[in-house]
């Protein structure tokens, strides 16, 4: 396509990802949120991944051929690490088993690329051999991580459709990462590799849309908590959500508290530590002008009458 190696499917994903990023950029200007900033960064990385992986290698590129592979592999590694970072933030994960922090995962993946791919290439001058040496152990590690992540988010204590949907979509994203080394080893099938990888972005996009719809569905309940009266909550002409000074995680926890779930139950549902729930709850109470959970529930019940 265009006299380059890019496949039409990759070009389609490139256009679709660009539209999603531009729409998010427009929407984020109306509401300051670190979550949207993370999503924008993720989208830009996917656009870069589609560009570099789709158009490279090209004959007229300056420098040796290996430089183009350094660029494409480097972008792919950065993208995979950022997807994991995104999901860690989504589930408030600091580290999984085997000290799998974001920092250690980034060091492991980039170090493996340098040692197993680049160094082996400079000794053998064989891209196929270097690719084989790099992708096999990385593929094994990726599937180990997939298993650890599944174990971390599976079996919620009080499952609801919102939580279950998010877990399924998150697993799609991590599975895409785990499959990337195998797809790279199989060969240059852009339509397959880029379809699998972009599925990770679309799964996370659906998570964000689903979260937004979930908040809108519960907007009346939240208005009842923060508005002066229920009548104001129903008749308010403002389109701006009154609780948007809370973070997205704080809104989720607020809705769980209003459903009379304990901190322990909330922690199990959201796959985070009970101490993390308590910390978020303290921030919620501070922002809503109450001292503790009892006052918060009492205030809600009074406004709900």
C-alpha atoms as a PDB file:
ATOM      1  CA  UNK A   1       0.000   0.000   0.000  1.00  0.00           C
ATOM      2  CA  UNK A   2       1.391   3.454  -0.997  1.00  0.00           C
ATOM      3  CA  UNK A   3       4.437   1.598  -2.333  1.00  0.00           C
ATOM      4  CA  UNK A   4       5.365   0.526   1.218  1.00  0.00           C
ATOM      5  CA  UNK A   5       5.057  -2.643   3.284  1.00  0.00           C
ATOM      6  CA  UNK A   6       2.004  -1.392   5.233  1.00  0.00           C
ATOM      7  CA  UNK A   7      -1.068  -3.625   4.938  1.00  0.00           C
ATOM      8  CA  UNK A   8      -4.502  -2.060   4.430  1.00  0.00           C
ATOM      9  CA  UNK A   9      -5.690  -3.459   7.776  1.00  0.00           C
ATOM     10  CA  UNK A  10      -2.806  -1.756   9.581  1.00  0.00           C
ATOM     11  CA  UNK A  11      -3.621   1.513   7.806  1.00  0.00           C
ATOM     12  CA  UNK A  12      -7.275   1.139   8.868  1.00  0.00           C
ATOM     13  CA  UNK A  13      -6.236   0.634  12.510  1.00  0.00           C
ATOM     14  CA  UNK A  14      -3.951   3.655  12.205  1.00  0.00           C
ATOM     15  CA  UNK A  15      -6.858   5.833  11.060  1.00  0.00           C
ATOM     16  CA  UNK A  16      -9.245   4.433  13.686  1.00  0.00           C
ATOM     17  CA  UNK A  17      -6.734   4.918  16.517  1.00  0.00           C
ATOM     18  CA  UNK A  18      -6.125   8.493  15.354  1.00  0.00           C
ATOM     19  CA  UNK A  19      -9.866   9.248  15.419  1.00  0.00           C
ATOM     20  CA  UNK A  20     -10.149   7.818  18.958  1.00  0.00           C
ATOM     21  CA  UNK A  21      -7.184   9.872  20.167  1.00  0.00           C
ATOM     22  CA  UNK A  22      -8.488  13.093  18.586  1.00  0.00           C
ATOM     23  CA  UNK A  23     -11.938  12.578  20.123  1.00  0.00           C
ATOM     24  CA  UNK A  24     -10.391  11.869  23.525  1.00  0.00           C
ATOM     25  CA  UNK A  25      -8.181  14.941  23.204  1.00  0.00           C
ATOM     26  CA  UNK A  26     -11.256  17.077  22.491  1.00  0.00           C
ATOM     27  CA  UNK A  27     -13.185  15.560  25.394  1.00  0.00           C
ATOM     28  CA  UNK A  28     -10.270  15.830  27.835  1.00  0.00           C
ATOM     29  CA  UNK A  29     -10.059  19.607  27.274  1.00  0.00           C
ATOM     30  CA  UNK A  30     -13.461  19.812  28.965  1.00  0.00           C
ATOM     31  CA  UNK A  31     -12.433  17.782  31.987  1.00  0.00           C
ATOM     32  CA  UNK A  32      -8.981  17.530  33.589  1.00  0.00           C
ATOM     33  CA  UNK A  33      -8.235  13.911  34.481  1.00  0.00           C
ATOM     34  CA  UNK A  34      -5.027  11.926  34.796  1.00  0.00           C
ATOM     35  CA  UNK A  35      -6.951   8.927  33.481  1.00  0.00           C
ATOM     36  CA  UNK A  36      -7.577  10.639  30.162  1.00  0.00           C
ATOM     37  CA  UNK A  37      -3.931  11.690  29.998  1.00  0.00           C
ATOM     38  CA  UNK A  38      -2.915   8.066  30.414  1.00  0.00           C
ATOM     39  CA  UNK A  39      -5.380   7.007  27.732  1.00  0.00           C
ATOM     40  CA  UNK A  40      -4.096   9.686  25.366  1.00  0.00           C
ATOM     41  CA  UNK A  41      -0.521   8.509  25.925  1.00  0.00           C
ATOM     42  CA  UNK A  42      -1.612   4.942  25.224  1.00  0.00           C
ATOM     43  CA  UNK A  43      -3.374   5.996  22.031  1.00  0.00           C
ATOM     44  CA  UNK A  44      -0.348   7.939  20.794  1.00  0.00           C
ATOM     45  CA  UNK A  45       1.828   4.887  21.438  1.00  0.00           C
ATOM     46  CA  UNK A  46      -0.553   2.725  19.381  1.00  0.00           C
ATOM     47  CA  UNK A  47      -0.467   5.240  16.535  1.00  0.00           C
ATOM     48  CA  UNK A  48       3.343   5.186  16.663  1.00  0.00           C
ATOM     49  CA  UNK A  49       3.317   1.373  16.769  1.00  0.00           C
ATOM     50  CA  UNK A  50       1.083   1.187  13.678  1.00  0.00           C
ATOM     51  CA  UNK A  51       3.231   3.733  11.846  1.00  0.00           C
ATOM     52  CA  UNK A  52       6.617   2.183  12.578  1.00  0.00           C
ATOM     53  CA  UNK A  53       5.526  -1.437  12.356  1.00  0.00           C
ATOM     54  CA  UNK A  54       3.439  -0.817   9.262  1.00  0.00           C
ATOM     55  CA  UNK A  55       5.813   1.274   7.166  1.00  0.00           C
ATOM     56  CA  UNK A  56       9.160  -0.149   8.288  1.00  0.00           C
ATOM     57  CA  UNK A  57      11.385  -1.586   6.955  1.00  0.00           C
ATOM     58  CA  UNK A  58      11.812   0.619   3.868  1.00  0.00           C
ATOM     59  CA  UNK A  59      14.689   0.653   1.398  1.00  0.00           C
ATOM     60  CA  UNK A  60      15.460   4.376   1.479  1.00  0.00           C
ATOM     61  CA  UNK A  61      15.653   4.609   5.264  1.00  0.00           C
ATOM     62  CA  UNK A  62      18.978   6.186   6.357  1.00  0.00           C
ATOM     63  CA  UNK A  63      21.366   3.915   8.208  1.00  0.00           C
ATOM     64  CA  UNK A  64      21.700   0.129   8.451  1.00  0.00           C
ATOM     65  CA  UNK A  65      18.679  -2.207   8.314  1.00  0.00           C
ATOM     66  CA  UNK A  66      19.105  -3.204  11.955  1.00  0.00           C
ATOM     67  CA  UNK A  67      18.313   0.397  12.969  1.00  0.00           C
ATOM     68  CA  UNK A  68      14.799   0.014  11.591  1.00  0.00           C
ATOM     69  CA  UNK A  69      14.322  -3.146  13.639  1.00  0.00           C
ATOM     70  CA  UNK A  70      15.580  -1.355  16.743  1.00  0.00           C
ATOM     71  CA  UNK A  71      12.916   1.318  16.171  1.00  0.00           C
ATOM     72  CA  UNK A  72      10.037  -1.105  15.543  1.00  0.00           C
ATOM     73  CA  UNK A  73      10.952  -3.484  18.370  1.00  0.00           C
ATOM     74  CA  UNK A  74      11.658  -0.587  20.718  1.00  0.00           C
ATOM     75  CA  UNK A  75       8.238   0.957  20.088  1.00  0.00           C
ATOM     76  CA  UNK A  76       6.539  -2.444  20.508  1.00  0.00           C
ATOM     77  CA  UNK A  77       8.322  -3.063  23.830  1.00  0.00           C
ATOM     78  CA  UNK A  78       7.449   0.431  25.081  1.00  0.00           C
ATOM     79  CA  UNK A  79       3.818  -0.129  24.084  1.00  0.00           C
ATOM     80  CA  UNK A  80       3.569  -3.484  25.866  1.00  0.00           C
ATOM     81  CA  UNK A  81       5.114  -2.082  29.048  1.00  0.00           C
ATOM     82  CA  UNK A  82       2.744   0.896  28.949  1.00  0.00           C
ATOM     83  CA  UNK A  83      -0.303  -1.356  28.528  1.00  0.00           C
ATOM     84  CA  UNK A  84       0.763  -3.228  31.656  1.00  0.00           C
ATOM     85  CA  UNK A  85       1.333   0.107  33.432  1.00  0.00           C
ATOM     86  CA  UNK A  86      -2.148   1.208  32.375  1.00  0.00           C
ATOM     87  CA  UNK A  87      -3.743  -1.944  33.771  1.00  0.00           C
ATOM     88  CA  UNK A  88      -1.677  -1.733  36.954  1.00  0.00           C
ATOM     89  CA  UNK A  89      -3.158   1.732  37.481  1.00  0.00           C
ATOM     90  CA  UNK A  90      -6.612   0.399  36.659  1.00  0.00           C
ATOM     91  CA  UNK A  91      -6.376  -2.212  39.411  1.00  0.00           C
ATOM     92  CA  UNK A  92      -4.097  -0.260  41.782  1.00  0.00           C
ATOM     93  CA  UNK A  93      -1.412  -2.931  41.384  1.00  0.00           C
ATOM     94  CA  UNK A  94       2.095  -2.121  42.550  1.00  0.00           C
ATOM     95  CA  UNK A  95       3.721  -5.495  41.992  1.00  0.00           C
ATOM     96  CA  UNK A  96       2.632  -9.036  41.140  1.00  0.00           C
ATOM     97  CA  UNK A  97       4.466 -12.267  41.960  1.00  0.00           C
ATOM     98  CA  UNK A  98       8.205 -12.566  41.351  1.00  0.00           C
ATOM     99  CA  UNK A  99       8.691  -8.844  41.951  1.00  0.00           C
ATOM    100  CA  UNK A 100       6.865  -7.967  38.725  1.00  0.00           C
ATOM    101  CA  UNK A 101       6.803  -4.209  39.125  1.00  0.00           C
ATOM    102  CA  UNK A 102       6.566  -1.922  36.086  1.00  0.00           C
ATOM    103  CA  UNK A 103      10.195  -0.914  36.543  1.00  0.00           C
ATOM    104  CA  UNK A 104      11.404  -4.523  36.651  1.00  0.00           C
ATOM    105  CA  UNK A 105       9.250  -5.525  33.677  1.00  0.00           C
ATOM    106  CA  UNK A 106      10.672  -2.623  31.650  1.00  0.00           C
ATOM    107  CA  UNK A 107      14.240  -3.570  32.591  1.00  0.00           C
ATOM    108  CA  UNK A 108      13.646  -7.253  31.813  1.00  0.00           C
ATOM    109  CA  UNK A 109      12.073  -6.652  28.399  1.00  0.00           C
ATOM    110  CA  UNK A 110      14.554  -4.010  27.224  1.00  0.00           C
ATOM    111  CA  UNK A 111      17.537  -5.935  28.651  1.00  0.00           C
ATOM    112  CA  UNK A 112      16.380  -9.123  26.907  1.00  0.00           C
ATOM    113  CA  UNK A 113      16.114  -7.246  23.626  1.00  0.00           C
ATOM    114  CA  UNK A 114      19.639  -5.859  23.931  1.00  0.00           C
ATOM    115  CA  UNK A 115      21.241  -9.140  25.014  1.00  0.00           C
ATOM    116  CA  UNK A 116      19.208 -11.743  23.124  1.00  0.00           C
ATOM    117  CA  UNK A 117      18.470  -9.812  19.940  1.00  0.00           C
ATOM    118  CA  UNK A 118      21.023  -7.069  19.331  1.00  0.00           C
ATOM    119  CA  UNK A 119      24.155  -8.748  20.692  1.00  0.00           C
ATOM    120  CA  UNK A 120      23.293 -12.042  19.010  1.00  0.00           C
ATOM    121  CA  UNK A 121      22.707 -10.194  15.730  1.00  0.00           C
ATOM    122  CA  UNK A 122      26.115  -8.533  15.844  1.00  0.00           C
ATOM    123  CA  UNK A 123      27.669 -11.980  16.267  1.00  0.00           C
ATOM    124  CA  UNK A 124      25.575 -13.888  13.707  1.00  0.00           C
ATOM    125  CA  UNK A 125      24.260 -11.153  11.350  1.00  0.00           C
ATOM    126  CA  UNK A 126      21.113 -13.248  11.117  1.00  0.00           C
ATOM    127  CA  UNK A 127      17.781 -11.538  11.847  1.00  0.00           C
ATOM    128  CA  UNK A 128      15.977 -14.873  11.899  1.00  0.00           C
ATOM    129  CA  UNK A 129      18.329 -16.377  14.478  1.00  0.00           C
ATOM    130  CA  UNK A 130      18.238 -13.238  16.634  1.00  0.00           C
ATOM    131  CA  UNK A 131      14.455 -13.089  16.445  1.00  0.00           C
ATOM    132  CA  UNK A 132      14.214 -16.737  17.467  1.00  0.00           C
ATOM    133  CA  UNK A 133      16.607 -16.307  20.390  1.00  0.00           C
ATOM    134  CA  UNK A 134      14.702 -13.242  21.639  1.00  0.00           C
ATOM    135  CA  UNK A 135      11.069 -14.214  21.125  1.00  0.00           C
ATOM    136  CA  UNK A 136      11.044 -17.727  22.619  1.00  0.00           C
ATOM    137  CA  UNK A 137      12.081 -16.826  26.199  1.00  0.00           C
ATOM    138  CA  UNK A 138      10.086 -13.561  26.062  1.00  0.00           C
ATOM    139  CA  UNK A 139       7.030 -15.530  24.956  1.00  0.00           C
ATOM    140  CA  UNK A 140       7.373 -17.895  27.919  1.00  0.00           C
ATOM    141  CA  UNK A 141       7.714 -14.959  30.325  1.00  0.00           C
ATOM    142  CA  UNK A 142       4.716 -13.220  28.727  1.00  0.00           C
ATOM    143  CA  UNK A 143       2.469 -16.220  29.311  1.00  0.00           C
ATOM    144  CA  UNK A 144       3.717 -16.525  32.896  1.00  0.00           C
ATOM    145  CA  UNK A 145       2.716 -12.882  33.396  1.00  0.00           C
ATOM    146  CA  UNK A 146      -0.659 -13.588  31.763  1.00  0.00           C
ATOM    147  CA  UNK A 147      -1.275 -16.338  34.318  1.00  0.00           C
ATOM    148  CA  UNK A 148      -0.268 -14.100  37.229  1.00  0.00           C
ATOM    149  CA  UNK A 149      -2.512 -11.286  36.042  1.00  0.00           C
ATOM    150  CA  UNK A 150      -5.453 -13.654  35.584  1.00  0.00           C
ATOM    151  CA  UNK A 151      -4.948 -15.005  39.090  1.00  0.00           C
ATOM    152  CA  UNK A 152      -4.859 -11.436  40.423  1.00  0.00           C
ATOM    153  CA  UNK A 153      -8.152 -10.253  38.925  1.00  0.00           C
ATOM    154  CA  UNK A 154     -10.205 -13.456  38.767  1.00  0.00           C
ATOM    155  CA  UNK A 155     -12.960 -14.592  41.132  1.00  0.00           C
ATOM    156  CA  UNK A 156     -14.392 -11.310  42.482  1.00  0.00           C
ATOM    157  CA  UNK A 157     -16.144 -11.609  45.846  1.00  0.00           C
ATOM    158  CA  UNK A 158     -19.296  -9.718  44.844  1.00  0.00           C
ATOM    159  CA  UNK A 159     -19.282  -9.771  41.047  1.00  0.00           C
ATOM    160  CA  UNK A 160     -21.443  -7.376  39.065  1.00  0.00           C
ATOM    161  CA  UNK A 161     -21.625  -6.923  35.313  1.00  0.00           C
ATOM    162  CA  UNK A 162     -19.488  -3.782  35.365  1.00  0.00           C
ATOM    163  CA  UNK A 163     -16.613  -5.500  37.189  1.00  0.00           C
ATOM    164  CA  UNK A 164     -16.877  -8.692  35.126  1.00  0.00           C
ATOM    165  CA  UNK A 165     -16.821  -6.754  31.851  1.00  0.00           C
ATOM    166  CA  UNK A 166     -13.735  -4.838  32.923  1.00  0.00           C
ATOM    167  CA  UNK A 167     -11.958  -8.053  33.909  1.00  0.00           C
ATOM    168  CA  UNK A 168     -12.720  -9.731  30.574  1.00  0.00           C
ATOM    169  CA  UNK A 169     -11.573  -6.714  28.583  1.00  0.00           C
ATOM    170  CA  UNK A 170      -8.391  -6.422  30.662  1.00  0.00           C
ATOM    171  CA  UNK A 171      -7.626 -10.064  29.965  1.00  0.00           C
ATOM    172  CA  UNK A 172      -8.002  -9.406  26.228  1.00  0.00           C
ATOM    173  CA  UNK A 173      -5.370  -6.672  26.496  1.00  0.00           C
ATOM    174  CA  UNK A 174      -2.881  -8.816  28.431  1.00  0.00           C
ATOM    175  CA  UNK A 175      -3.489 -11.795  26.130  1.00  0.00           C
ATOM    176  CA  UNK A 176      -2.634  -9.584  23.135  1.00  0.00           C
ATOM    177  CA  UNK A 177       0.696  -8.734  24.761  1.00  0.00           C
ATOM    178  CA  UNK A 178       1.405 -12.405  25.491  1.00  0.00           C
ATOM    179  CA  UNK A 179       0.684 -13.371  21.867  1.00  0.00           C
ATOM    180  CA  UNK A 180       2.890 -10.672  20.301  1.00  0.00           C
ATOM    181  CA  UNK A 181       6.223 -12.583  20.594  1.00  0.00           C
ATOM    182  CA  UNK A 182       4.650 -15.686  19.041  1.00  0.00           C
ATOM    183  CA  UNK A 183       3.139 -13.672  16.190  1.00  0.00           C
ATOM    184  CA  UNK A 184       6.513 -12.014  15.602  1.00  0.00           C
ATOM    185  CA  UNK A 185       8.173 -15.420  15.448  1.00  0.00           C
ATOM    186  CA  UNK A 186       5.594 -16.840  13.027  1.00  0.00           C
ATOM    187  CA  UNK A 187       6.402 -14.266  10.387  1.00  0.00           C
ATOM    188  CA  UNK A 188       5.469 -10.921   8.883  1.00  0.00           C
ATOM    189  CA  UNK A 189       1.674 -11.274   8.809  1.00  0.00           C
ATOM    190  CA  UNK A 190       0.655  -7.684   9.458  1.00  0.00           C
ATOM    191  CA  UNK A 191      -3.072  -8.317   9.217  1.00  0.00           C
ATOM    192  CA  UNK A 192      -2.841 -10.853  12.063  1.00  0.00           C
ATOM    193  CA  UNK A 193      -0.230  -9.227  14.312  1.00  0.00           C
ATOM    194  CA  UNK A 194      -1.699  -5.738  14.167  1.00  0.00           C
ATOM    195  CA  UNK A 195      -5.254  -7.009  14.574  1.00  0.00           C
ATOM    196  CA  UNK A 196      -4.298  -8.807  17.782  1.00  0.00           C
ATOM    197  CA  UNK A 197      -2.333  -5.854  19.165  1.00  0.00           C
ATOM    198  CA  UNK A 198      -4.916  -3.208  18.302  1.00  0.00           C
ATOM    199  CA  UNK A 199      -7.533  -5.398  19.989  1.00  0.00           C
ATOM    200  CA  UNK A 200      -5.753  -4.483  23.243  1.00  0.00           C
ATOM    201  CA  UNK A 201      -6.343  -0.779  22.577  1.00  0.00           C
ATOM    202  CA  UNK A 202      -9.979  -1.270  21.632  1.00  0.00           C
ATOM    203  CA  UNK A 203     -10.564  -3.386  24.753  1.00  0.00           C
ATOM    204  CA  UNK A 204      -9.166  -0.591  26.938  1.00  0.00           C
ATOM    205  CA  UNK A 205     -11.230   1.954  24.973  1.00  0.00           C
ATOM    206  CA  UNK A 206     -14.364  -0.047  25.776  1.00  0.00           C
ATOM    207  CA  UNK A 207     -13.315  -0.102  29.451  1.00  0.00           C
ATOM    208  CA  UNK A 208     -13.169   3.703  29.431  1.00  0.00           C
ATOM    209  CA  UNK A 209     -16.519   4.038  27.656  1.00  0.00           C
ATOM    210  CA  UNK A 210     -18.111   1.508  29.993  1.00  0.00           C
ATOM    211  CA  UNK A 211     -16.762   3.398  33.013  1.00  0.00           C
ATOM    212  CA  UNK A 212     -18.205   6.652  31.684  1.00  0.00           C
ATOM    213  CA  UNK A 213     -21.620   5.039  31.137  1.00  0.00           C
ATOM    214  CA  UNK A 214     -21.471   3.461  34.595  1.00  0.00           C
ATOM    215  CA  UNK A 215     -20.865   6.854  36.159  1.00  0.00           C
ATOM    216  CA  UNK A 216     -23.698   8.406  34.155  1.00  0.00           C
ATOM    217  CA  UNK A 217     -26.073   5.657  35.263  1.00  0.00           C
ATOM    218  CA  UNK A 218     -25.237   6.460  38.884  1.00  0.00           C
ATOM    219  CA  UNK A 219     -25.134  10.237  38.431  1.00  0.00           C
ATOM    220  CA  UNK A 220     -28.497  10.786  40.145  1.00  0.00           C
ATOM    221  CA  UNK A 221     -27.335   8.895  43.220  1.00  0.00           C
ATOM    222  CA  UNK A 222     -24.151  10.953  43.323  1.00  0.00           C
ATOM    223  CA  UNK A 223     -26.098  14.179  42.879  1.00  0.00           C
ATOM    224  CA  UNK A 224     -28.214  13.203  45.871  1.00  0.00           C
ATOM    225  CA  UNK A 225     -25.056  12.979  47.954  1.00  0.00           C
ATOM    226  CA  UNK A 226     -23.448  16.251  46.893  1.00  0.00           C
ATOM    227  CA  UNK A 227     -26.379  18.471  45.890  1.00  0.00           C
ATOM    228  CA  UNK A 228     -28.202  20.644  48.435  1.00  0.00           C
ATOM    229  CA  UNK A 229     -31.389  18.622  48.028  1.00  0.00           C
ATOM    230  CA  UNK A 230     -32.893  15.845  45.965  1.00  0.00           C
ATOM    231  CA  UNK A 231     -35.002  18.399  44.087  1.00  0.00           C
ATOM    232  CA  UNK A 232     -31.854  20.229  43.052  1.00  0.00           C
ATOM    233  CA  UNK A 233     -30.328  16.938  42.019  1.00  0.00           C
ATOM    234  CA  UNK A 234     -33.232  16.151  39.710  1.00  0.00           C
ATOM    235  CA  UNK A 235     -33.801  19.648  38.331  1.00  0.00           C
ATOM    236  CA  UNK A 236     -30.178  20.776  38.053  1.00  0.00           C
ATOM    237  CA  UNK A 237     -29.546  22.369  34.669  1.00  0.00           C
ATOM    238  CA  UNK A 238     -25.812  21.803  34.872  1.00  0.00           C
ATOM    239  CA  UNK A 239     -24.428  19.235  32.478  1.00  0.00           C
ATOM    240  CA  UNK A 240     -21.139  19.121  34.347  1.00  0.00           C
ATOM    241  CA  UNK A 241     -21.036  16.190  36.754  1.00  0.00           C
ATOM    242  CA  UNK A 242     -20.949  17.645  40.231  1.00  0.00           C
ATOM    243  CA  UNK A 243     -18.570  15.011  41.602  1.00  0.00           C
ATOM    244  CA  UNK A 244     -15.887  15.330  38.955  1.00  0.00           C
ATOM    245  CA  UNK A 245     -13.388  16.634  41.516  1.00  0.00           C
ATOM    246  CA  UNK A 246     -13.197  13.013  42.702  1.00  0.00           C
ATOM    247  CA  UNK A 247     -10.894  10.654  40.874  1.00  0.00           C
ATOM    248  CA  UNK A 248     -12.424   7.816  38.884  1.00  0.00           C
ATOM    249  CA  UNK A 249     -11.307   5.287  41.473  1.00  0.00           C
ATOM    250  CA  UNK A 250     -12.838   7.419  44.247  1.00  0.00           C
ATOM    251  CA  UNK A 251     -16.144   7.518  42.357  1.00  0.00           C
ATOM    252  CA  UNK A 252     -16.150   3.720  42.061  1.00  0.00           C
ATOM    253  CA  UNK A 253     -15.467   3.367  45.777  1.00  0.00           C
ATOM    254  CA  UNK A 254     -18.100   5.992  46.608  1.00  0.00           C
ATOM    255  CA  UNK A 255     -20.746   4.027  44.718  1.00  0.00           C
ATOM    256  CA  UNK A 256     -19.666   0.851  46.513  1.00  0.00           C
ATOM    257  CA  UNK A 257     -19.889   2.564  49.914  1.00  0.00           C
ATOM    258  CA  UNK A 258     -23.378   3.818  49.035  1.00  0.00           C
ATOM    259  CA  UNK A 259     -24.282   0.194  48.267  1.00  0.00           C
ATOM    260  CA  UNK A 260     -23.386  -0.604  51.906  1.00  0.00           C
ATOM    261  CA  UNK A 261     -20.371  -2.727  51.008  1.00  0.00           C
ATOM    262  CA  UNK A 262     -17.615  -3.015  53.601  1.00  0.00           C
ATOM    263  CA  UNK A 263     -14.054  -1.933  52.850  1.00  0.00           C
ATOM    264  CA  UNK A 264     -13.090  -5.596  52.744  1.00  0.00           C
ATOM    265  CA  UNK A 265     -15.808  -6.370  50.189  1.00  0.00           C
ATOM    266  CA  UNK A 266     -14.873  -3.334  48.090  1.00  0.00           C
ATOM    267  CA  UNK A 267     -11.217  -4.377  48.150  1.00  0.00           C
ATOM    268  CA  UNK A 268     -12.088  -7.849  46.860  1.00  0.00           C
ATOM    269  CA  UNK A 269     -14.408  -6.502  44.177  1.00  0.00           C
ATOM    270  CA  UNK A 270     -11.869  -3.987  42.864  1.00  0.00           C
ATOM    271  CA  UNK A 271      -8.856  -6.287  43.430  1.00  0.00           C
ATOM    272  CA  UNK A 272      -7.015  -3.805  45.632  1.00  0.00           C
ATOM    273  CA  UNK A 273      -5.755  -3.850  49.215  1.00  0.00           C
ATOM    274  CA  UNK A 274      -8.181  -2.979  52.003  1.00  0.00           C
ATOM    275  CA  UNK A 275      -5.748  -0.295  53.172  1.00  0.00           C
ATOM    276  CA  UNK A 276      -5.945   1.249  49.684  1.00  0.00           C
ATOM    277  CA  UNK A 277      -9.742   1.374  49.931  1.00  0.00           C
ATOM    278  CA  UNK A 278      -9.439   3.025  53.342  1.00  0.00           C
ATOM    279  CA  UNK A 279      -7.046   5.629  51.938  1.00  0.00           C
ATOM    280  CA  UNK A 280      -9.375   6.427  49.039  1.00  0.00           C
ATOM    281  CA  UNK A 281     -12.335   6.574  51.439  1.00  0.00           C
ATOM    282  CA  UNK A 282     -10.509   9.102  53.621  1.00  0.00           C
ATOM    283  CA  UNK A 283      -9.983  11.305  50.568  1.00  0.00           C
ATOM    284  CA  UNK A 284     -13.673  10.954  49.671  1.00  0.00           C
ATOM    285  CA  UNK A 285     -14.799  11.977  53.152  1.00  0.00           C
ATOM    286  CA  UNK A 286     -12.454  14.942  53.132  1.00  0.00           C
ATOM    287  CA  UNK A 287     -13.718  16.140  49.767  1.00  0.00           C
ATOM    288  CA  UNK A 288     -17.367  15.719  50.770  1.00  0.00           C
ATOM    289  CA  UNK A 289     -16.972  17.430  54.125  1.00  0.00           C
ATOM    290  CA  UNK A 290     -17.660  14.504  56.471  1.00  0.00           C
ATOM    291  CA  UNK A 291     -15.490  12.887  59.118  1.00  0.00           C
ATOM    292  CA  UNK A 292     -16.145   9.179  58.593  1.00  0.00           C
ATOM    293  CA  UNK A 293     -18.150   6.495  56.817  1.00  0.00           C
ATOM    294  CA  UNK A 294     -21.090   6.718  59.221  1.00  0.00           C
ATOM    295  CA  UNK A 295     -21.524  10.437  58.592  1.00  0.00           C
ATOM    296  CA  UNK A 296     -21.171   9.874  54.852  1.00  0.00           C
ATOM    297  CA  UNK A 297     -23.899   7.182  54.771  1.00  0.00           C
ATOM    298  CA  UNK A 298     -26.083   9.262  57.088  1.00  0.00           C
ATOM    299  CA  UNK A 299     -25.741  12.280  54.820  1.00  0.00           C
ATOM    300  CA  UNK A 300     -26.679  10.229  51.773  1.00  0.00           C
ATOM    301  CA  UNK A 301     -29.724   8.686  53.428  1.00  0.00           C
ATOM    302  CA  UNK A 302     -30.990  12.099  54.506  1.00  0.00           C
ATOM    303  CA  UNK A 303     -30.695  13.444  50.957  1.00  0.00           C
ATOM    304  CA  UNK A 304     -32.231  10.305  49.466  1.00  0.00           C
ATOM    305  CA  UNK A 305     -35.460  10.757  51.438  1.00  0.00           C
END
